């Protein structure tokens, strides 16, 4: 008998974080390559963070928020799109 894998709250938060980063970047027309340059990371390093957002350092998240001119809380918000369209 196989068991279904239940996503942990940490996995959900990680997916939420990267989803919000991508969303905010899309709103402003930025690409992953732009983020890589801002954070001064190699391509493998940025890819690792996209796959496993827990590798983002707090200082990097602060840099992303400043670069995108948003509060850092937007990166962790559950429903960014609803907040922006409300």
PDB file of N, CA and C in Angstrom:
ATOM      1  N   UNK A   1       0.844  -1.169   0.000  1.00  0.00           N
ATOM      2  CA  UNK A   1       0.000   0.000   0.000  1.00  0.00           C
ATOM      3  C   UNK A   1       0.895   1.240   0.000  1.00  0.00           C
ATOM      4  N   UNK A   2       0.669   2.134  -0.924  1.00  0.00           N
ATOM      5  CA  UNK A   2       1.464   3.367  -0.976  1.00  0.00           C
ATOM      6  C   UNK A   2       0.704   4.485  -0.259  1.00  0.00           C
ATOM      7  N   UNK A   3       1.481   5.365   0.288  1.00  0.00           N
ATOM      8  CA  UNK A   3       0.890   6.504   0.995  1.00  0.00           C
ATOM      9  C   UNK A   3       1.115   7.772   0.201  1.00  0.00           C
ATOM     10  N   UNK A   4       0.117   8.608   0.201  1.00  0.00           N
ATOM     11  CA  UNK A   4       0.252   9.904  -0.467  1.00  0.00           C
ATOM     12  C   UNK A   4       1.153  10.792   0.376  1.00  0.00           C
ATOM     13  N   UNK A   5       2.010  11.524  -0.286  1.00  0.00           N
ATOM     14  CA  UNK A   5       2.884  12.442   0.430  1.00  0.00           C
ATOM     15  C   UNK A   5       2.092  13.695   0.795  1.00  0.00           C
ATOM     16  N   UNK A   6       2.168  14.068   2.041  1.00  0.00           N
ATOM     17  CA  UNK A   6       1.490  15.272   2.518  1.00  0.00           C
ATOM     18  C   UNK A   6       2.520  16.392   2.558  1.00  0.00           C
ATOM     19  N   UNK A   7       2.209  17.490   1.922  1.00  0.00           N
ATOM     20  CA  UNK A   7       3.137  18.632   1.898  1.00  0.00           C
ATOM     21  C   UNK A   7       3.224  19.245   3.289  1.00  0.00           C
ATOM     22  N   UNK A   8       4.438  19.509   3.697  1.00  0.00           N
ATOM     23  CA  UNK A   8       4.631  20.147   5.003  1.00  0.00           C
ATOM     24  C   UNK A   8       4.372  21.646   4.879  1.00  0.00           C
ATOM     25  N   UNK A   9       4.094  22.297   6.003  1.00  0.00           N
ATOM     26  CA  UNK A   9       3.907  23.755   5.957  1.00  0.00           C
ATOM     27  C   UNK A   9       5.144  24.473   5.411  1.00  0.00           C
ATOM     28  N   UNK A  10       6.329  23.906   5.663  1.00  0.00           N
ATOM     29  CA  UNK A  10       7.551  24.516   5.152  1.00  0.00           C
ATOM     30  C   UNK A  10       7.598  24.472   3.632  1.00  0.00           C
ATOM     31  N   UNK A  11       7.202  23.339   3.052  1.00  0.00           N
ATOM     32  CA  UNK A  11       7.178  23.220   1.593  1.00  0.00           C
ATOM     33  C   UNK A  11       6.177  24.196   0.989  1.00  0.00           C
ATOM     34  N   UNK A  12       5.036  24.323   1.625  1.00  0.00           N
ATOM     35  CA  UNK A  12       4.021  25.261   1.130  1.00  0.00           C
ATOM     36  C   UNK A  12       4.546  26.694   1.180  1.00  0.00           C
ATOM     37  N   UNK A  13       5.228  27.050   2.263  1.00  0.00           N
ATOM     38  CA  UNK A  13       5.791  28.401   2.381  1.00  0.00           C
ATOM     39  C   UNK A  13       6.887  28.637   1.365  1.00  0.00           C
ATOM     40  N   UNK A  14       7.688  27.612   1.083  1.00  0.00           N
ATOM     41  CA  UNK A  14       8.739  27.749   0.080  1.00  0.00           C
ATOM     42  C   UNK A  14       8.138  27.990  -1.297  1.00  0.00           C
ATOM     43  N   UNK A  15       7.105  27.214  -1.634  1.00  0.00           N
ATOM     44  CA  UNK A  15       6.445  27.416  -2.934  1.00  0.00           C
ATOM     45  C   UNK A  15       5.805  28.795  -3.005  1.00  0.00           C
ATOM     46  N   UNK A  16       5.232  29.234  -1.908  1.00  0.00           N
ATOM     47  CA  UNK A  16       4.619  30.556  -1.846  1.00  0.00           C
ATOM     48  C   UNK A  16       5.662  31.647  -2.047  1.00  0.00           C
ATOM     49  N   UNK A  17       6.803  31.513  -1.394  1.00  0.00           N
ATOM     50  CA  UNK A  17       7.870  32.504  -1.512  1.00  0.00           C
ATOM     51  C   UNK A  17       8.334  32.645  -2.955  1.00  0.00           C
ATOM     52  N   UNK A  18       8.673  31.551  -3.597  1.00  0.00           N
ATOM     53  CA  UNK A  18       9.193  31.644  -4.966  1.00  0.00           C
ATOM     54  C   UNK A  18       8.095  32.093  -5.928  1.00  0.00           C
ATOM     55  N   UNK A  19       6.865  31.675  -5.671  1.00  0.00           N
ATOM     56  CA  UNK A  19       5.744  32.117  -6.501  1.00  0.00           C
ATOM     57  C   UNK A  19       5.569  33.633  -6.408  1.00  0.00           C
ATOM     58  N   UNK A  20       5.670  34.175  -5.203  1.00  0.00           N
ATOM     59  CA  UNK A  20       5.525  35.622  -5.018  1.00  0.00           C
ATOM     60  C   UNK A  20       6.693  36.388  -5.624  1.00  0.00           C
ATOM     61  N   UNK A  21       7.898  35.849  -5.516  1.00  0.00           N
ATOM     62  CA  UNK A  21       9.055  36.508  -6.149  1.00  0.00           C
ATOM     63  C   UNK A  21       8.839  36.572  -7.654  1.00  0.00           C
ATOM     64  N   UNK A  22       8.459  35.436  -8.245  1.00  0.00           N
ATOM     65  CA  UNK A  22       8.219  35.402  -9.695  1.00  0.00           C
ATOM     66  C   UNK A  22       7.100  36.367 -10.084  1.00  0.00           C
ATOM     67  N   UNK A  23       6.026  36.389  -9.299  1.00  0.00           N
ATOM     68  CA  UNK A  23       4.885  37.253  -9.588  1.00  0.00           C
ATOM     69  C   UNK A  23       5.299  38.725  -9.576  1.00  0.00           C
ATOM     70  N   UNK A  24       5.989  39.126  -8.521  1.00  0.00           N
ATOM     71  CA  UNK A  24       6.416  40.526  -8.406  1.00  0.00           C
ATOM     72  C   UNK A  24       7.397  40.893  -9.522  1.00  0.00           C
ATOM     73  N   UNK A  25       8.281  39.971  -9.878  1.00  0.00           N
ATOM     74  CA  UNK A  25       9.219  40.243 -10.975  1.00  0.00           C
ATOM     75  C   UNK A  25       8.473  40.381 -12.300  1.00  0.00           C
ATOM     76  N   UNK A  26       7.495  39.505 -12.528  1.00  0.00           N
ATOM     77  CA  UNK A  26       6.702  39.578 -13.759  1.00  0.00           C
ATOM     78  C   UNK A  26       5.969  40.907 -13.876  1.00  0.00           C
ATOM     79  N   UNK A  27       5.430  41.400 -12.764  1.00  0.00           N
ATOM     80  CA  UNK A  27       4.712  42.677 -12.777  1.00  0.00           C
ATOM     81  C   UNK A  27       5.604  43.818 -13.285  1.00  0.00           C
ATOM     82  N   UNK A  28       6.903  43.710 -12.975  1.00  0.00           N
ATOM     83  CA  UNK A  28       7.828  44.786 -13.335  1.00  0.00           C
ATOM     84  C   UNK A  28       8.685  44.448 -14.553  1.00  0.00           C
ATOM     85  N   UNK A  29       8.413  43.296 -15.166  1.00  0.00           N
ATOM     86  CA  UNK A  29       9.119  42.932 -16.389  1.00  0.00           C
ATOM     87  C   UNK A  29      10.529  42.402 -16.182  1.00  0.00           C
ATOM     88  N   UNK A  30      10.828  41.890 -15.003  1.00  0.00           N
ATOM     89  CA  UNK A  30      12.153  41.336 -14.729  1.00  0.00           C
ATOM     90  C   UNK A  30      12.174  39.836 -14.975  1.00  0.00           C
ATOM     91  N   UNK A  31      13.354  39.325 -15.270  1.00  0.00           N
ATOM     92  CA  UNK A  31      13.578  37.901 -15.510  1.00  0.00           C
ATOM     93  C   UNK A  31      14.520  37.347 -14.451  1.00  0.00           C
ATOM     94  N   UNK A  32      14.641  36.023 -14.446  1.00  0.00           N
ATOM     95  CA  UNK A  32      15.524  35.365 -13.485  1.00  0.00           C
ATOM     96  C   UNK A  32      16.965  35.844 -13.655  1.00  0.00           C
ATOM     97  N   UNK A  33      17.376  36.130 -14.877  1.00  0.00           N
ATOM     98  CA  UNK A  33      18.737  36.624 -15.123  1.00  0.00           C
ATOM     99  C   UNK A  33      18.973  37.971 -14.433  1.00  0.00           C
ATOM    100  N   UNK A  34      17.947  38.811 -14.386  1.00  0.00           N
ATOM    101  CA  UNK A  34      18.066  40.097 -13.688  1.00  0.00           C
ATOM    102  C   UNK A  34      18.255  39.876 -12.186  1.00  0.00           C
ATOM    103  N   UNK A  35      17.487  38.944 -11.638  1.00  0.00           N
ATOM    104  CA  UNK A  35      17.605  38.626 -10.215  1.00  0.00           C
ATOM    105  C   UNK A  35      19.003  38.077  -9.911  1.00  0.00           C
ATOM    106  N   UNK A  36      19.484  37.233 -10.786  1.00  0.00           N
ATOM    107  CA  UNK A  36      20.824  36.653 -10.617  1.00  0.00           C
ATOM    108  C   UNK A  36      21.880  37.744 -10.545  1.00  0.00           C
ATOM    109  N   UNK A  37      21.762  38.756 -11.406  1.00  0.00           N
ATOM    110  CA  UNK A  37      22.726  39.862 -11.408  1.00  0.00           C
ATOM    111  C   UNK A  37      22.623  40.696 -10.134  1.00  0.00           C
ATOM    112  N   UNK A  38      21.392  40.976  -9.706  1.00  0.00           N
ATOM    113  CA  UNK A  38      21.186  41.782  -8.497  1.00  0.00           C
ATOM    114  C   UNK A  38      21.805  41.094  -7.280  1.00  0.00           C
ATOM    115  N   UNK A  39      21.632  39.772  -7.195  1.00  0.00           N
ATOM    116  CA  UNK A  39      22.148  39.029  -6.047  1.00  0.00           C
ATOM    117  C   UNK A  39      23.598  38.591  -6.232  1.00  0.00           C
ATOM    118  N   UNK A  40      24.146  38.839  -7.434  1.00  0.00           N
ATOM    119  CA  UNK A  40      25.529  38.460  -7.741  1.00  0.00           C
ATOM    120  C   UNK A  40      25.745  36.956  -7.522  1.00  0.00           C
ATOM    121  N   UNK A  41      24.854  36.163  -8.102  1.00  0.00           N
ATOM    122  CA  UNK A  41      24.921  34.709  -7.972  1.00  0.00           C
ATOM    123  C   UNK A  41      25.214  34.066  -9.313  1.00  0.00           C
ATOM    124  N   UNK A  42      25.796  32.899  -9.267  1.00  0.00           N
ATOM    125  CA  UNK A  42      26.003  32.125 -10.485  1.00  0.00           C
ATOM    126  C   UNK A  42      24.663  31.532 -10.920  1.00  0.00           C
ATOM    127  N   UNK A  43      24.618  31.055 -12.152  1.00  0.00           N
ATOM    128  CA  UNK A  43      23.384  30.455 -12.632  1.00  0.00           C
ATOM    129  C   UNK A  43      23.007  29.212 -11.816  1.00  0.00           C
ATOM    130  N   UNK A  44      23.958  28.314 -11.499  1.00  0.00           N
ATOM    131  CA  UNK A  44      23.583  27.172 -10.649  1.00  0.00           C
ATOM    132  C   UNK A  44      23.065  27.596  -9.268  1.00  0.00           C
ATOM    133  N   UNK A  45      23.629  28.656  -8.711  1.00  0.00           N
ATOM    134  CA  UNK A  45      23.196  29.115  -7.384  1.00  0.00           C
ATOM    135  C   UNK A  45      21.769  29.660  -7.422  1.00  0.00           C
ATOM    136  N   UNK A  46      21.423  30.437  -8.440  1.00  0.00           N
ATOM    137  CA  UNK A  46      20.057  30.981  -8.516  1.00  0.00           C
ATOM    138  C   UNK A  46      19.063  29.857  -8.811  1.00  0.00           C
ATOM    139  N   UNK A  47      19.489  28.887  -9.637  1.00  0.00           N
ATOM    140  CA  UNK A  47      18.615  27.744  -9.923  1.00  0.00           C
ATOM    141  C   UNK A  47      18.337  26.934  -8.656  1.00  0.00           C
ATOM    142  N   UNK A  48      19.351  26.796  -7.814  1.00  0.00           N
ATOM    143  CA  UNK A  48      19.177  26.075  -6.545  1.00  0.00           C
ATOM    144  C   UNK A  48      18.155  26.788  -5.669  1.00  0.00           C
ATOM    145  N   UNK A  49      18.217  28.109  -5.636  1.00  0.00           N
ATOM    146  CA  UNK A  49      17.272  28.871  -4.823  1.00  0.00           C
ATOM    147  C   UNK A  49      15.855  28.792  -5.389  1.00  0.00           C
ATOM    148  N   UNK A  50      15.736  28.743  -6.713  1.00  0.00           N
ATOM    149  CA  UNK A  50      14.411  28.604  -7.322  1.00  0.00           C
ATOM    150  C   UNK A  50      13.810  27.235  -6.996  1.00  0.00           C
ATOM    151  N   UNK A  51      14.651  26.195  -6.998  1.00  0.00           N
ATOM    152  CA  UNK A  51      14.161  24.850  -6.694  1.00  0.00           C
ATOM    153  C   UNK A  51      13.909  24.661  -5.202  1.00  0.00           C
ATOM    154  N   UNK A  52      14.787  25.229  -4.391  1.00  0.00           N
ATOM    155  CA  UNK A  52      14.694  25.081  -2.934  1.00  0.00           C
ATOM    156  C   UNK A  52      14.861  26.459  -2.288  1.00  0.00           C
ATOM    157  N   UNK A  53      13.763  27.213  -2.195  1.00  0.00           N
ATOM    158  CA  UNK A  53      13.841  28.596  -1.694  1.00  0.00           C
ATOM    159  C   UNK A  53      14.409  28.741  -0.286  1.00  0.00           C
ATOM    160  N   UNK A  54      14.497  27.652   0.465  1.00  0.00           N
ATOM    161  CA  UNK A  54      15.074  27.766   1.813  1.00  0.00           C
ATOM    162  C   UNK A  54      16.532  28.186   1.764  1.00  0.00           C
ATOM    163  N   UNK A  55      17.148  28.113   0.587  1.00  0.00           N
ATOM    164  CA  UNK A  55      18.544  28.530   0.443  1.00  0.00           C
ATOM    165  C   UNK A  55      18.698  30.038   0.332  1.00  0.00           C
ATOM    166  N   UNK A  56      17.588  30.771   0.153  1.00  0.00           N
ATOM    167  CA  UNK A  56      17.676  32.230   0.165  1.00  0.00           C
ATOM    168  C   UNK A  56      18.076  32.689   1.562  1.00  0.00           C
ATOM    169  N   UNK A  57      19.012  33.596   1.611  1.00  0.00           N
ATOM    170  CA  UNK A  57      19.381  34.207   2.891  1.00  0.00           C
ATOM    171  C   UNK A  57      18.437  35.382   3.128  1.00  0.00           C
ATOM    172  N   UNK A  58      18.274  35.742   4.390  1.00  0.00           N
ATOM    173  CA  UNK A  58      17.410  36.876   4.712  1.00  0.00           C
ATOM    174  C   UNK A  58      17.912  38.141   4.024  1.00  0.00           C
ATOM    175  N   UNK A  59      19.222  38.325   3.999  1.00  0.00           N
ATOM    176  CA  UNK A  59      19.789  39.513   3.350  1.00  0.00           C
ATOM    177  C   UNK A  59      19.449  39.543   1.858  1.00  0.00           C
ATOM    178  N   UNK A  60      19.402  38.371   1.229  1.00  0.00           N
ATOM    179  CA  UNK A  60      19.031  38.313  -0.188  1.00  0.00           C
ATOM    180  C   UNK A  60      17.563  38.670  -0.377  1.00  0.00           C
ATOM    181  N   UNK A  61      16.720  38.210   0.530  1.00  0.00           N
ATOM    182  CA  UNK A  61      15.298  38.549   0.442  1.00  0.00           C
ATOM    183  C   UNK A  61      15.087  40.048   0.636  1.00  0.00           C
ATOM    184  N   UNK A  62      15.867  40.641   1.531  1.00  0.00           N
ATOM    185  CA  UNK A  62      15.794  42.100   1.720  1.00  0.00           C
ATOM    186  C   UNK A  62      16.225  42.829   0.445  1.00  0.00           C
ATOM    187  N   UNK A  63      17.283  42.335  -0.197  1.00  0.00           N
ATOM    188  CA  UNK A  63      17.748  42.944  -1.447  1.00  0.00           C
ATOM    189  C   UNK A  63      16.675  42.833  -2.527  1.00  0.00           C
ATOM    190  N   UNK A  64      16.023  41.680  -2.604  1.00  0.00           N
ATOM    191  CA  UNK A  64      14.967  41.476  -3.601  1.00  0.00           C
ATOM    192  C   UNK A  64      13.825  42.459  -3.358  1.00  0.00           C
ATOM    193  N   UNK A  65      13.415  42.589  -2.115  1.00  0.00           N
ATOM    194  CA  UNK A  65      12.317  43.504  -1.784  1.00  0.00           C
ATOM    195  C   UNK A  65      12.681  44.948  -2.131  1.00  0.00           C
ATOM    196  N   UNK A  66      13.900  45.355  -1.808  1.00  0.00           N
ATOM    197  CA  UNK A  66      14.330  46.729  -2.144  1.00  0.00           C
ATOM    198  C   UNK A  66      14.380  46.923  -3.649  1.00  0.00           C
ATOM    199  N   UNK A  67      14.920  45.945  -4.350  1.00  0.00           N
ATOM    200  CA  UNK A  67      15.044  46.005  -5.812  1.00  0.00           C
ATOM    201  C   UNK A  67      13.666  46.125  -6.460  1.00  0.00           C
ATOM    202  N   UNK A  68      12.701  45.367  -5.951  1.00  0.00           N
ATOM    203  CA  UNK A  68      11.349  45.400  -6.502  1.00  0.00           C
ATOM    204  C   UNK A  68      10.500  46.534  -5.928  1.00  0.00           C
ATOM    205  N   UNK A  69      11.056  47.263  -4.953  1.00  0.00           N
ATOM    206  CA  UNK A  69      10.362  48.371  -4.286  1.00  0.00           C
ATOM    207  C   UNK A  69       9.043  47.917  -3.668  1.00  0.00           C
ATOM    208  N   UNK A  70       9.131  46.828  -2.914  1.00  0.00           N
ATOM    209  CA  UNK A  70       7.954  46.279  -2.224  1.00  0.00           C
ATOM    210  C   UNK A  70       8.332  45.985  -0.773  1.00  0.00           C
ATOM    211  N   UNK A  71       7.339  45.931   0.111  1.00  0.00           N
ATOM    212  CA  UNK A  71       7.638  45.486   1.475  1.00  0.00           C
ATOM    213  C   UNK A  71       8.031  44.008   1.445  1.00  0.00           C
ATOM    214  N   UNK A  72       8.955  43.627   2.288  1.00  0.00           N
ATOM    215  CA  UNK A  72       9.382  42.223   2.302  1.00  0.00           C
ATOM    216  C   UNK A  72       8.212  41.299   2.620  1.00  0.00           C
ATOM    217  N   UNK A  73       7.229  41.792   3.326  1.00  0.00           N
ATOM    218  CA  UNK A  73       6.057  40.978   3.664  1.00  0.00           C
ATOM    219  C   UNK A  73       5.318  40.498   2.411  1.00  0.00           C
ATOM    220  N   UNK A  74       5.420  41.238   1.303  1.00  0.00           N
ATOM    221  CA  UNK A  74       4.787  40.799   0.050  1.00  0.00           C
ATOM    222  C   UNK A  74       5.346  39.465  -0.430  1.00  0.00           C
ATOM    223  N   UNK A  75       6.600  39.197  -0.095  1.00  0.00           N
ATOM    224  CA  UNK A  75       7.209  37.946  -0.532  1.00  0.00           C
ATOM    225  C   UNK A  75       6.642  36.743   0.220  1.00  0.00           C
ATOM    226  N   UNK A  76       6.038  36.990   1.367  1.00  0.00           N
ATOM    227  CA  UNK A  76       5.503  35.903   2.185  1.00  0.00           C
ATOM    228  C   UNK A  76       3.988  35.905   2.259  1.00  0.00           C
ATOM    229  N   UNK A  77       3.348  36.857   1.599  1.00  0.00           N
ATOM    230  CA  UNK A  77       1.894  36.992   1.658  1.00  0.00           C
ATOM    231  C   UNK A  77       1.216  35.816   0.970  1.00  0.00           C
ATOM    232  N   UNK A  78       0.113  35.387   1.541  1.00  0.00           N
ATOM    233  CA  UNK A  78      -0.617  34.240   0.980  1.00  0.00           C
ATOM    234  C   UNK A  78      -1.279  34.563  -0.355  1.00  0.00           C
ATOM    235  N   UNK A  79      -1.819  35.774  -0.477  1.00  0.00           N
ATOM    236  CA  UNK A  79      -2.563  36.103  -1.692  1.00  0.00           C
ATOM    237  C   UNK A  79      -2.163  37.475  -2.208  1.00  0.00           C
ATOM    238  N   UNK A  80      -1.009  37.519  -2.827  1.00  0.00           N
ATOM    239  CA  UNK A  80      -0.518  38.780  -3.378  1.00  0.00           C
ATOM    240  C   UNK A  80      -1.489  39.321  -4.421  1.00  0.00           C
ATOM    241  N   UNK A  81      -1.960  38.471  -5.315  1.00  0.00           N
ATOM    242  CA  UNK A  81      -2.821  38.936  -6.391  1.00  0.00           C
ATOM    243  C   UNK A  81      -4.132  39.501  -5.872  1.00  0.00           C
ATOM    244  N   UNK A  82      -4.707  38.867  -4.863  1.00  0.00           N
ATOM    245  CA  UNK A  82      -5.960  39.392  -4.311  1.00  0.00           C
ATOM    246  C   UNK A  82      -5.743  40.750  -3.658  1.00  0.00           C
ATOM    247  N   UNK A  83      -4.605  40.930  -2.995  1.00  0.00           N
ATOM    248  CA  UNK A  83      -4.316  42.200  -2.325  1.00  0.00           C
ATOM    249  C   UNK A  83      -4.146  43.298  -3.369  1.00  0.00           C
ATOM    250  N   UNK A  84      -3.541  42.990  -4.488  1.00  0.00           N
ATOM    251  CA  UNK A  84      -3.284  44.016  -5.497  1.00  0.00           C
ATOM    252  C   UNK A  84      -4.526  44.367  -6.288  1.00  0.00           C
ATOM    253  N   UNK A  85      -5.445  43.441  -6.434  1.00  0.00           N
ATOM    254  CA  UNK A  85      -6.629  43.708  -7.241  1.00  0.00           C
ATOM    255  C   UNK A  85      -7.810  44.180  -6.399  1.00  0.00           C
ATOM    256  N   UNK A  86      -7.678  44.104  -5.096  1.00  0.00           N
ATOM    257  CA  UNK A  86      -8.796  44.499  -4.221  1.00  0.00           C
ATOM    258  C   UNK A  86      -8.975  45.998  -4.191  1.00  0.00           C
TER     259      UNK A  86
END
